[in-house]
Amino acid sequence: MESVINEVEINGKAYVLKENVKTKEFDSPIKICILQRGWVMIGRLERNGDQCKLHDASVIRVWGTTKGLGELAKEGPLSGTKLDKTNGLVEFNDATLIACISVEENVWKNKL
């Protein structure tokens, strides 16, 4: 009989094997979210099951870029970018989400 231990608890703290830890190449809580019907929004994304909340949300009405949304993700809002504040929170079902782009948090954190 073989036993496999994936997690061990020591002094009330759980530890897992290093090879079992999934790492993310780049992740930011701030996301550009592309939704159905052409909505493009930015904010701090929270997911709970199939429900999503975008905190400190803004609609990106005009990108103002020459290189698309990836340019906004990396550079932050440009001189031609038009953001429409939503007064805080936008809620939507995960099924309406087409794609999310993680952004450079340091260039966006004071812009939301």
N, C-alpha and C. Protein backbone atom coordinates (compact mmCIF):
# COMPACT_ATOMS: atom_id res chain seq x y z
N MET A 1 0.84 -1.17 0.00
CA MET A 1 0.00 0.00 0.00
C MET A 1 0.89 1.24 0.00
N GLU A 2 0.53 2.22 -0.82
CA GLU A 2 1.32 3.44 -0.95
C GLU A 2 0.52 4.62 -0.43
N SER A 3 1.16 5.49 0.37
CA SER A 3 0.52 6.70 0.86
C SER A 3 1.13 7.90 0.16
N VAL A 4 0.28 8.83 -0.21
CA VAL A 4 0.75 10.08 -0.83
C VAL A 4 0.29 11.22 0.06
N ILE A 5 1.23 12.00 0.52
CA ILE A 5 0.91 13.16 1.36
C ILE A 5 1.12 14.41 0.52
N ASN A 6 0.04 15.15 0.30
CA ASN A 6 0.11 16.37 -0.50
C ASN A 6 0.24 17.61 0.36
N GLU A 7 -0.10 17.48 1.64
CA GLU A 7 -0.10 18.63 2.52
C GLU A 7 0.21 18.15 3.93
N VAL A 8 0.94 18.97 4.69
CA VAL A 8 1.23 18.64 6.07
C VAL A 8 0.99 19.90 6.92
N GLU A 9 0.52 19.70 8.13
CA GLU A 9 0.25 20.82 9.02
C GLU A 9 1.26 20.80 10.16
N ILE A 10 1.91 21.94 10.36
CA ILE A 10 2.88 22.10 11.45
C ILE A 10 2.54 23.37 12.19
N ASN A 11 2.33 23.23 13.51
CA ASN A 11 1.98 24.37 14.35
C ASN A 11 0.81 25.18 13.79
N GLY A 12 -0.17 24.49 13.26
CA GLY A 12 -1.38 25.16 12.78
C GLY A 12 -1.28 25.75 11.39
N LYS A 13 -0.13 25.60 10.72
CA LYS A 13 0.02 26.12 9.36
C LYS A 13 0.16 24.97 8.38
N ALA A 14 -0.55 25.09 7.24
CA ALA A 14 -0.51 24.04 6.21
C ALA A 14 0.64 24.32 5.25
N TYR A 15 1.36 23.26 4.89
CA TYR A 15 2.47 23.34 3.94
C TYR A 15 2.23 22.32 2.83
N VAL A 16 2.60 22.70 1.60
CA VAL A 16 2.47 21.79 0.46
C VAL A 16 3.83 21.63 -0.21
N LEU A 17 3.99 20.54 -0.94
CA LEU A 17 5.22 20.33 -1.68
C LEU A 17 5.39 21.40 -2.74
N LYS A 18 6.61 21.84 -2.95
CA LYS A 18 6.91 22.89 -3.91
C LYS A 18 6.39 22.54 -5.31
N GLU A 19 6.56 21.30 -5.71
CA GLU A 19 6.12 20.92 -7.06
C GLU A 19 4.60 20.90 -7.20
N ASN A 20 3.86 20.98 -6.10
CA ASN A 20 2.40 21.03 -6.16
C ASN A 20 1.86 22.46 -6.20
N VAL A 21 2.75 23.44 -6.04
CA VAL A 21 2.33 24.83 -6.04
C VAL A 21 2.31 25.33 -7.47
N LYS A 22 1.16 25.82 -7.91
CA LYS A 22 1.03 26.36 -9.25
C LYS A 22 1.39 27.84 -9.20
N THR A 23 2.30 28.24 -10.04
CA THR A 23 2.71 29.64 -10.08
C THR A 23 2.13 30.30 -11.32
N LYS A 24 1.94 31.59 -11.23
CA LYS A 24 1.42 32.36 -12.33
C LYS A 24 2.53 33.24 -12.86
N GLU A 25 2.63 33.30 -14.17
CA GLU A 25 3.68 34.09 -14.79
C GLU A 25 3.49 35.58 -14.47
N PHE A 26 2.28 36.07 -14.60
CA PHE A 26 1.98 37.46 -14.29
C PHE A 26 0.52 37.52 -13.89
N ASP A 27 0.26 38.13 -12.78
CA ASP A 27 -1.12 38.27 -12.36
C ASP A 27 -1.26 39.57 -11.59
N SER A 28 -2.29 40.26 -11.86
CA SER A 28 -2.61 41.52 -11.19
C SER A 28 -4.08 41.48 -10.84
N PRO A 29 -4.45 42.04 -9.71
CA PRO A 29 -5.89 42.09 -9.41
C PRO A 29 -6.62 43.06 -10.33
N ILE A 30 -5.89 43.95 -10.98
CA ILE A 30 -6.52 44.89 -11.92
C ILE A 30 -6.54 44.23 -13.30
N LYS A 31 -7.72 44.19 -13.90
CA LYS A 31 -7.90 43.52 -15.19
C LYS A 31 -8.66 44.42 -16.16
N ILE A 32 -8.28 44.32 -17.42
CA ILE A 32 -9.11 44.83 -18.49
C ILE A 32 -10.02 43.66 -18.87
N CYS A 33 -11.32 43.86 -18.75
CA CYS A 33 -12.30 42.80 -19.02
C CYS A 33 -13.06 43.13 -20.29
N ILE A 34 -13.04 42.19 -21.22
CA ILE A 34 -13.80 42.33 -22.46
C ILE A 34 -15.07 41.51 -22.27
N LEU A 35 -16.20 42.18 -22.32
CA LEU A 35 -17.49 41.55 -22.08
C LEU A 35 -18.30 41.49 -23.38
N GLN A 36 -19.35 40.71 -23.36
CA GLN A 36 -20.25 40.63 -24.51
C GLN A 36 -20.83 42.00 -24.83
N ARG A 37 -21.27 42.13 -26.05
CA ARG A 37 -21.92 43.34 -26.56
C ARG A 37 -20.96 44.53 -26.67
N GLY A 38 -19.65 44.26 -26.69
CA GLY A 38 -18.68 45.31 -26.94
C GLY A 38 -18.23 46.12 -25.74
N TRP A 39 -18.63 45.72 -24.55
CA TRP A 39 -18.19 46.44 -23.35
C TRP A 39 -16.75 46.07 -23.01
N VAL A 40 -15.93 47.09 -22.78
CA VAL A 40 -14.55 46.91 -22.33
C VAL A 40 -14.41 47.72 -21.05
N MET A 41 -14.06 47.04 -19.97
CA MET A 41 -13.99 47.69 -18.66
C MET A 41 -12.67 47.37 -17.98
N ILE A 42 -12.33 48.20 -17.01
CA ILE A 42 -11.14 47.96 -16.21
C ILE A 42 -11.49 48.14 -14.75
N GLY A 43 -10.88 47.33 -13.89
CA GLY A 43 -11.10 47.44 -12.46
C GLY A 43 -10.45 46.26 -11.74
N ARG A 44 -10.73 46.17 -10.46
CA ARG A 44 -10.18 45.08 -9.64
C ARG A 44 -11.17 43.92 -9.66
N LEU A 45 -10.79 42.83 -10.33
CA LEU A 45 -11.70 41.71 -10.56
C LEU A 45 -11.75 40.76 -9.37
N GLU A 46 -12.97 40.43 -8.98
CA GLU A 46 -13.23 39.42 -7.94
C GLU A 46 -14.17 38.39 -8.53
N ARG A 47 -13.81 37.11 -8.40
CA ARG A 47 -14.66 36.03 -8.90
C ARG A 47 -15.12 35.18 -7.73
N ASN A 48 -16.39 34.84 -7.75
CA ASN A 48 -16.97 33.95 -6.76
C ASN A 48 -17.91 33.01 -7.50
N GLY A 49 -17.40 31.82 -7.83
CA GLY A 49 -18.18 30.90 -8.65
C GLY A 49 -18.38 31.50 -10.03
N ASP A 50 -19.63 31.59 -10.48
CA ASP A 50 -19.88 32.17 -11.79
C ASP A 50 -20.25 33.65 -11.73
N GLN A 51 -20.12 34.24 -10.56
CA GLN A 51 -20.39 35.67 -10.40
C GLN A 51 -19.08 36.45 -10.35
N CYS A 52 -19.05 37.58 -11.05
CA CYS A 52 -17.87 38.43 -11.08
C CYS A 52 -18.25 39.83 -10.60
N LYS A 53 -17.32 40.45 -9.91
CA LYS A 53 -17.47 41.83 -9.48
C LYS A 53 -16.22 42.57 -9.92
N LEU A 54 -16.42 43.72 -10.52
CA LEU A 54 -15.32 44.58 -10.94
C LEU A 54 -15.38 45.83 -10.07
N HIS A 55 -14.48 45.90 -9.09
CA HIS A 55 -14.43 47.01 -8.14
C HIS A 55 -13.65 48.18 -8.74
N ASP A 56 -13.98 49.40 -8.32
CA ASP A 56 -13.33 50.62 -8.84
C ASP A 56 -13.37 50.63 -10.37
N ALA A 57 -14.49 50.22 -10.93
CA ALA A 57 -14.59 49.96 -12.36
C ALA A 57 -14.77 51.23 -13.19
N SER A 58 -14.24 51.17 -14.40
CA SER A 58 -14.45 52.19 -15.42
C SER A 58 -14.68 51.49 -16.75
N VAL A 59 -15.52 52.11 -17.58
CA VAL A 59 -15.69 51.66 -18.95
C VAL A 59 -14.58 52.33 -19.76
N ILE A 60 -13.88 51.55 -20.58
CA ILE A 60 -12.89 52.14 -21.48
C ILE A 60 -13.64 52.46 -22.77
N ARG A 61 -14.13 53.70 -22.88
CA ARG A 61 -14.96 54.11 -24.01
C ARG A 61 -14.11 54.31 -25.27
N VAL A 62 -12.94 54.93 -25.10
CA VAL A 62 -12.00 55.13 -26.21
C VAL A 62 -10.65 54.63 -25.75
N TRP A 63 -10.06 53.71 -26.52
CA TRP A 63 -8.76 53.16 -26.13
C TRP A 63 -7.67 54.20 -26.28
N GLY A 64 -7.65 54.93 -27.39
CA GLY A 64 -6.62 55.94 -27.62
C GLY A 64 -5.24 55.35 -27.86
N THR A 65 -5.20 54.13 -28.40
CA THR A 65 -3.93 53.43 -28.60
C THR A 65 -3.62 53.26 -30.08
N THR A 66 -2.37 52.90 -30.35
CA THR A 66 -1.99 52.50 -31.71
C THR A 66 -1.69 51.00 -31.74
N LYS A 67 -1.59 50.38 -30.55
CA LYS A 67 -1.22 48.97 -30.46
C LYS A 67 -2.26 48.13 -29.71
N GLY A 68 -3.48 48.65 -29.54
CA GLY A 68 -4.55 47.88 -28.93
C GLY A 68 -4.55 47.87 -27.41
N LEU A 69 -5.33 46.97 -26.86
CA LEU A 69 -5.51 46.90 -25.41
C LEU A 69 -4.23 46.51 -24.68
N GLY A 70 -3.37 45.74 -25.33
CA GLY A 70 -2.10 45.38 -24.70
C GLY A 70 -1.27 46.60 -24.36
N GLU A 71 -1.36 47.62 -25.18
CA GLU A 71 -0.65 48.88 -24.91
C GLU A 71 -1.19 49.54 -23.65
N LEU A 72 -2.51 49.53 -23.49
CA LEU A 72 -3.11 50.08 -22.25
C LEU A 72 -2.70 49.27 -21.03
N ALA A 73 -2.65 47.96 -21.20
CA ALA A 73 -2.28 47.08 -20.08
C ALA A 73 -0.88 47.39 -19.58
N LYS A 74 0.01 47.65 -20.50
CA LYS A 74 1.42 47.88 -20.14
C LYS A 74 1.72 49.33 -19.79
N GLU A 75 1.15 50.27 -20.53
CA GLU A 75 1.50 51.68 -20.38
C GLU A 75 0.55 52.48 -19.48
N GLY A 76 -0.64 51.94 -19.23
CA GLY A 76 -1.65 52.71 -18.50
C GLY A 76 -2.44 53.56 -19.48
N PRO A 77 -3.37 54.38 -18.96
CA PRO A 77 -4.18 55.21 -19.85
C PRO A 77 -3.30 56.23 -20.58
N LEU A 78 -3.57 56.40 -21.87
CA LEU A 78 -2.81 57.32 -22.71
C LEU A 78 -3.58 58.64 -22.85
N SER A 79 -2.98 59.60 -23.51
CA SER A 79 -3.63 60.91 -23.64
C SER A 79 -4.96 60.82 -24.38
N GLY A 80 -5.10 59.85 -25.30
CA GLY A 80 -6.35 59.70 -26.03
C GLY A 80 -7.34 58.73 -25.40
N THR A 81 -6.98 58.13 -24.26
CA THR A 81 -7.85 57.15 -23.60
C THR A 81 -8.98 57.88 -22.88
N LYS A 82 -10.20 57.39 -23.05
CA LYS A 82 -11.38 57.95 -22.36
C LYS A 82 -11.95 56.89 -21.43
N LEU A 83 -11.92 57.18 -20.13
CA LEU A 83 -12.47 56.28 -19.11
C LEU A 83 -13.74 56.89 -18.55
N ASP A 84 -14.80 56.11 -18.44
CA ASP A 84 -16.05 56.54 -17.82
C ASP A 84 -16.20 55.79 -16.51
N LYS A 85 -16.08 56.50 -15.39
CA LYS A 85 -16.23 55.88 -14.07
C LYS A 85 -17.64 55.32 -13.93
N THR A 86 -17.76 54.23 -13.19
CA THR A 86 -19.06 53.59 -13.00
C THR A 86 -19.58 53.77 -11.58
N ASN A 87 -18.96 54.62 -10.82
CA ASN A 87 -19.30 54.82 -9.41
C ASN A 87 -19.00 53.59 -8.57
N GLY A 88 -18.01 52.81 -8.97
CA GLY A 88 -17.51 51.77 -8.10
C GLY A 88 -17.60 50.34 -8.55
N LEU A 89 -18.80 49.76 -8.54
CA LEU A 89 -18.93 48.31 -8.67
C LEU A 89 -19.78 47.94 -9.88
N VAL A 90 -19.25 47.00 -10.69
CA VAL A 90 -20.01 46.41 -11.78
C VAL A 90 -20.06 44.92 -11.52
N GLU A 91 -21.25 44.34 -11.58
CA GLU A 91 -21.42 42.91 -11.37
C GLU A 91 -21.91 42.26 -12.65
N PHE A 92 -21.38 41.07 -12.96
CA PHE A 92 -21.78 40.36 -14.16
C PHE A 92 -21.53 38.88 -13.98
N ASN A 93 -22.19 38.08 -14.82
CA ASN A 93 -22.01 36.65 -14.81
C ASN A 93 -20.78 36.28 -15.62
N ASP A 94 -20.04 35.28 -15.17
CA ASP A 94 -18.83 34.83 -15.84
C ASP A 94 -19.07 34.46 -17.30
N ALA A 95 -20.28 34.05 -17.63
CA ALA A 95 -20.59 33.66 -19.01
C ALA A 95 -20.54 34.84 -19.97
N THR A 96 -20.63 36.07 -19.47
CA THR A 96 -20.56 37.25 -20.34
C THR A 96 -19.13 37.72 -20.56
N LEU A 97 -18.19 37.11 -19.87
CA LEU A 97 -16.78 37.50 -19.96
C LEU A 97 -16.12 36.78 -21.14
N ILE A 98 -15.58 37.56 -22.06
CA ILE A 98 -14.92 36.99 -23.24
C ILE A 98 -13.43 36.79 -22.96
N ALA A 99 -12.79 37.81 -22.36
CA ALA A 99 -11.35 37.72 -22.08
C ALA A 99 -10.99 38.72 -20.99
N CYS A 100 -9.90 38.42 -20.29
CA CYS A 100 -9.34 39.34 -19.29
C CYS A 100 -7.87 39.54 -19.60
N ILE A 101 -7.41 40.77 -19.43
CA ILE A 101 -6.00 41.08 -19.62
C ILE A 101 -5.48 41.63 -18.30
N SER A 102 -4.46 40.98 -17.74
CA SER A 102 -3.82 41.50 -16.54
C SER A 102 -3.01 42.73 -16.92
N VAL A 103 -3.07 43.75 -16.09
CA VAL A 103 -2.36 44.99 -16.40
C VAL A 103 -1.20 45.20 -15.43
N GLU A 104 -0.30 46.07 -15.81
CA GLU A 104 0.78 46.48 -14.92
C GLU A 104 0.15 47.31 -13.82
N GLU A 105 0.07 46.73 -12.64
CA GLU A 105 -0.67 47.36 -11.54
C GLU A 105 -0.11 48.73 -11.18
N ASN A 106 1.21 48.88 -11.20
CA ASN A 106 1.81 50.16 -10.77
C ASN A 106 1.45 51.33 -11.68
N VAL A 107 1.11 51.10 -12.95
CA VAL A 107 0.74 52.23 -13.82
C VAL A 107 -0.77 52.50 -13.80
N TRP A 108 -1.55 51.60 -13.23
CA TRP A 108 -3.01 51.77 -13.19
C TRP A 108 -3.55 52.08 -11.81
N LYS A 109 -2.83 51.73 -10.73
CA LYS A 109 -3.43 51.77 -9.40
C LYS A 109 -3.96 53.14 -8.98
N ASN A 110 -3.39 54.22 -9.45
CA ASN A 110 -3.88 55.55 -9.10
C ASN A 110 -4.80 56.14 -10.16
N LYS A 111 -5.11 55.36 -11.18
CA LYS A 111 -5.95 55.85 -12.29
C LYS A 111 -7.39 55.38 -12.17
N LEU A 112 -7.67 54.43 -11.30
CA LEU A 112 -9.03 53.90 -11.20
C LEU A 112 -9.89 54.73 -10.27
